[in-house]
Amino acid sequence: MNEGPDIRAIIAEYAAGDSPSVIARRHGTSAEVIREWLEAAGVQLRARGVEANLPMDRVAKEYRRGDGLPVLGRRYGVEPETIRRRLMKRGVKIRDQRTAQRVRYGRHGDIAGLAAELGVSEQRMTELLLAHGLLFDDPAAEAAGTADAEDVT
């Protein structure tokens, strides 16, 4: 017996900033079906045409400072993929989050310290930070002080 989609979970994921495409992969369906379910549930969908009005000078500066694609997407009301595509078009080097090496978090200094204080494994802490776009991987920018991650303390 098929119980159907968990609409509350889908709404929560969308409200947290996940795109219909990401949610669809998670739930084994298409982005269009996710949009239909959200609309049927009365959720106002984020505008898809906002892309043309993005303040790309500011977006690029914030990305270079260390803000991740998911953070910027939520901030500007567009998909992280839109941010990535527009940054690449401007010649901005996109960080490979799988190789992100270091974060700066107030008194913790690194992922291990933050994970220990919060009582989670380094792996779980890394997953959470990646999911929220709070890691950066440009040691040169870090040394120059231009890639500040958000302070979660």
Protein backbone atom coordinates (compact mmCIF):
# COMPACT_ATOMS: atom_id res chain seq x y z
CA MET A 1 0.00 0.00 0.00
CA ASN A 2 1.50 3.33 -1.11
CA GLU A 3 1.12 5.98 1.58
CA GLY A 4 1.95 8.85 -0.78
CA PRO A 5 4.40 11.67 -0.25
CA ASP A 6 5.30 13.11 3.12
CA ILE A 7 4.05 16.59 2.29
CA ARG A 8 5.04 18.04 5.67
CA ALA A 9 8.65 16.93 5.12
CA ILE A 10 8.63 18.31 1.57
CA ILE A 11 7.26 21.66 2.77
CA ALA A 12 9.88 21.81 5.54
CA GLU A 13 12.69 21.02 3.09
CA TYR A 14 11.47 23.70 0.70
CA ALA A 15 11.09 26.24 3.51
CA ALA A 16 14.67 25.45 4.58
CA GLY A 17 15.83 26.51 1.12
CA ASP A 18 16.11 23.21 -0.75
CA SER A 19 15.19 23.46 -4.41
CA PRO A 20 12.41 21.37 -5.94
CA SER A 21 15.12 19.48 -7.86
CA VAL A 22 17.00 18.54 -4.68
CA ILE A 23 13.78 17.56 -2.91
CA ALA A 24 12.69 15.53 -5.94
CA ARG A 25 15.91 13.50 -5.93
CA ARG A 26 15.47 12.84 -2.23
CA HIS A 27 11.88 11.65 -2.69
CA GLY A 28 12.33 9.81 -5.98
CA THR A 29 10.19 12.03 -8.18
CA SER A 30 10.52 15.04 -10.50
CA ALA A 31 10.95 18.70 -9.63
CA GLU A 32 7.71 19.49 -11.45
CA VAL A 33 5.79 17.01 -9.27
CA ILE A 34 7.32 18.59 -6.16
CA ARG A 35 6.21 22.04 -7.37
CA GLU A 36 2.69 20.70 -7.97
CA TRP A 37 2.53 19.16 -4.47
CA LEU A 38 3.81 22.37 -2.88
CA GLU A 39 1.29 24.49 -4.78
CA ALA A 40 -1.53 22.08 -3.88
CA ALA A 41 -0.50 22.46 -0.23
CA GLY A 42 -0.79 26.24 -0.52
CA VAL A 43 2.94 26.95 -0.44
CA GLN A 44 3.98 30.07 -2.32
CA LEU A 45 6.84 29.03 -4.58
CA ARG A 46 9.98 31.12 -4.87
CA ALA A 47 10.19 33.15 -8.04
CA ARG A 48 12.10 31.49 -10.84
CA GLY A 49 12.80 34.68 -12.77
CA VAL A 50 14.67 36.52 -10.03
CA GLU A 51 17.92 35.44 -11.66
CA ALA A 52 18.01 38.45 -13.99
CA ASN A 53 17.95 40.89 -11.06
CA LEU A 54 20.75 39.37 -9.00
CA PRO A 55 23.32 41.91 -7.77
CA MET A 56 26.18 39.81 -9.09
CA ASP A 57 28.98 42.12 -7.92
CA ARG A 58 27.72 41.70 -4.35
CA VAL A 59 27.00 37.97 -4.81
CA ALA A 60 30.54 37.38 -6.12
CA LYS A 61 32.05 39.34 -3.22
CA GLU A 62 30.01 37.36 -0.68
CA TYR A 63 30.97 34.07 -2.35
CA ARG A 64 34.67 35.01 -2.32
CA ARG A 65 34.28 35.98 1.35
CA GLY A 66 33.17 32.40 2.03
CA ASP A 67 29.38 32.28 1.79
CA GLY A 68 28.32 29.04 0.11
CA LEU A 69 25.99 28.51 -2.81
CA PRO A 70 23.06 27.30 -0.61
CA VAL A 71 23.42 30.33 1.68
CA LEU A 72 23.53 32.74 -1.25
CA GLY A 73 20.61 30.99 -2.95
CA ARG A 74 18.45 31.38 0.15
CA ARG A 75 19.59 34.98 0.65
CA TYR A 76 18.66 36.01 -2.89
CA GLY A 77 15.65 33.70 -3.39
CA VAL A 78 17.11 31.60 -6.19
CA GLU A 79 18.43 28.08 -6.57
CA PRO A 80 22.07 27.49 -5.57
CA GLU A 81 22.60 26.23 -9.12
CA THR A 82 21.57 29.65 -10.43
CA ILE A 83 24.19 31.29 -8.23
CA ARG A 84 26.82 28.77 -9.37
CA ARG A 85 26.01 29.26 -13.04
CA ARG A 86 26.05 33.07 -12.81
CA LEU A 87 29.33 33.09 -10.86
CA MET A 88 30.95 30.79 -13.42
CA LYS A 89 29.75 33.08 -16.22
CA ARG A 90 31.62 35.91 -14.45
CA GLY A 91 34.78 33.81 -14.24
CA VAL A 92 34.57 33.13 -10.49
CA LYS A 93 36.27 29.85 -9.53
CA ILE A 94 33.70 27.61 -7.83
CA ARG A 95 34.90 25.79 -4.72
CA ASP A 96 34.74 21.99 -4.70
CA GLN A 97 32.93 21.36 -1.43
CA ARG A 98 34.11 17.74 -1.35
CA THR A 99 37.65 18.98 -0.85
CA ALA A 100 36.88 21.79 1.57
CA GLN A 101 39.64 21.66 4.14
CA ARG A 102 39.08 24.26 6.82
CA VAL A 103 36.55 26.54 8.44
CA ARG A 104 36.91 29.37 10.89
CA TYR A 105 34.29 29.31 13.67
CA GLY A 106 34.90 31.75 16.48
CA ARG A 107 36.68 30.17 19.40
CA HIS A 108 36.61 26.67 17.88
CA GLY A 109 39.06 27.31 15.06
CA ASP A 110 38.14 24.12 13.22
CA ILE A 111 35.49 21.51 12.59
CA ALA A 112 36.87 19.15 15.24
CA GLY A 113 36.49 21.75 18.00
CA LEU A 114 33.00 22.70 16.94
CA ALA A 115 31.96 19.03 16.62
CA ALA A 116 33.34 18.21 20.07
CA GLU A 117 31.48 21.07 21.71
CA LEU A 118 28.23 20.10 20.02
CA GLY A 119 28.69 16.39 20.74
CA VAL A 120 28.65 15.17 17.14
CA SER A 121 31.24 13.43 14.99
CA GLU A 122 33.54 15.44 12.71
CA GLN A 123 31.95 13.67 9.74
CA ARG A 124 28.43 14.71 10.81
CA MET A 125 29.59 18.25 11.53
CA THR A 126 31.17 18.43 8.07
CA GLU A 127 27.96 17.15 6.46
CA LEU A 128 25.91 19.77 8.28
CA LEU A 129 28.30 22.58 7.39
CA LEU A 130 28.37 21.53 3.74
CA ALA A 131 24.58 21.30 3.64
CA HIS A 132 24.37 24.90 4.83
CA GLY A 133 27.16 26.23 2.63
CA LEU A 134 29.40 27.14 5.56
CA LEU A 135 32.67 25.61 4.41
CA PHE A 136 35.33 27.15 2.24
CA ASP A 137 38.37 25.56 0.70
CA ASP A 138 40.64 28.35 -0.53
CA PRO A 139 43.65 28.38 1.83
CA ALA A 140 45.17 31.40 0.00
CA ALA A 141 41.98 33.40 0.48
CA GLU A 142 41.80 32.26 4.09
CA ALA A 143 45.37 33.38 4.73
CA ALA A 144 44.57 36.74 3.15
CA GLY A 145 41.45 36.99 5.33
CA THR A 146 39.09 37.19 2.34
CA ALA A 147 37.22 33.91 2.85
CA ASP A 148 35.52 34.34 6.20
CA ALA A 149 32.94 31.66 6.93
CA GLU A 150 29.88 32.52 8.94
CA ASP A 151 30.43 32.41 12.69
CA VAL A 152 28.11 29.85 14.22
CA THR A 153 28.98 30.57 17.83
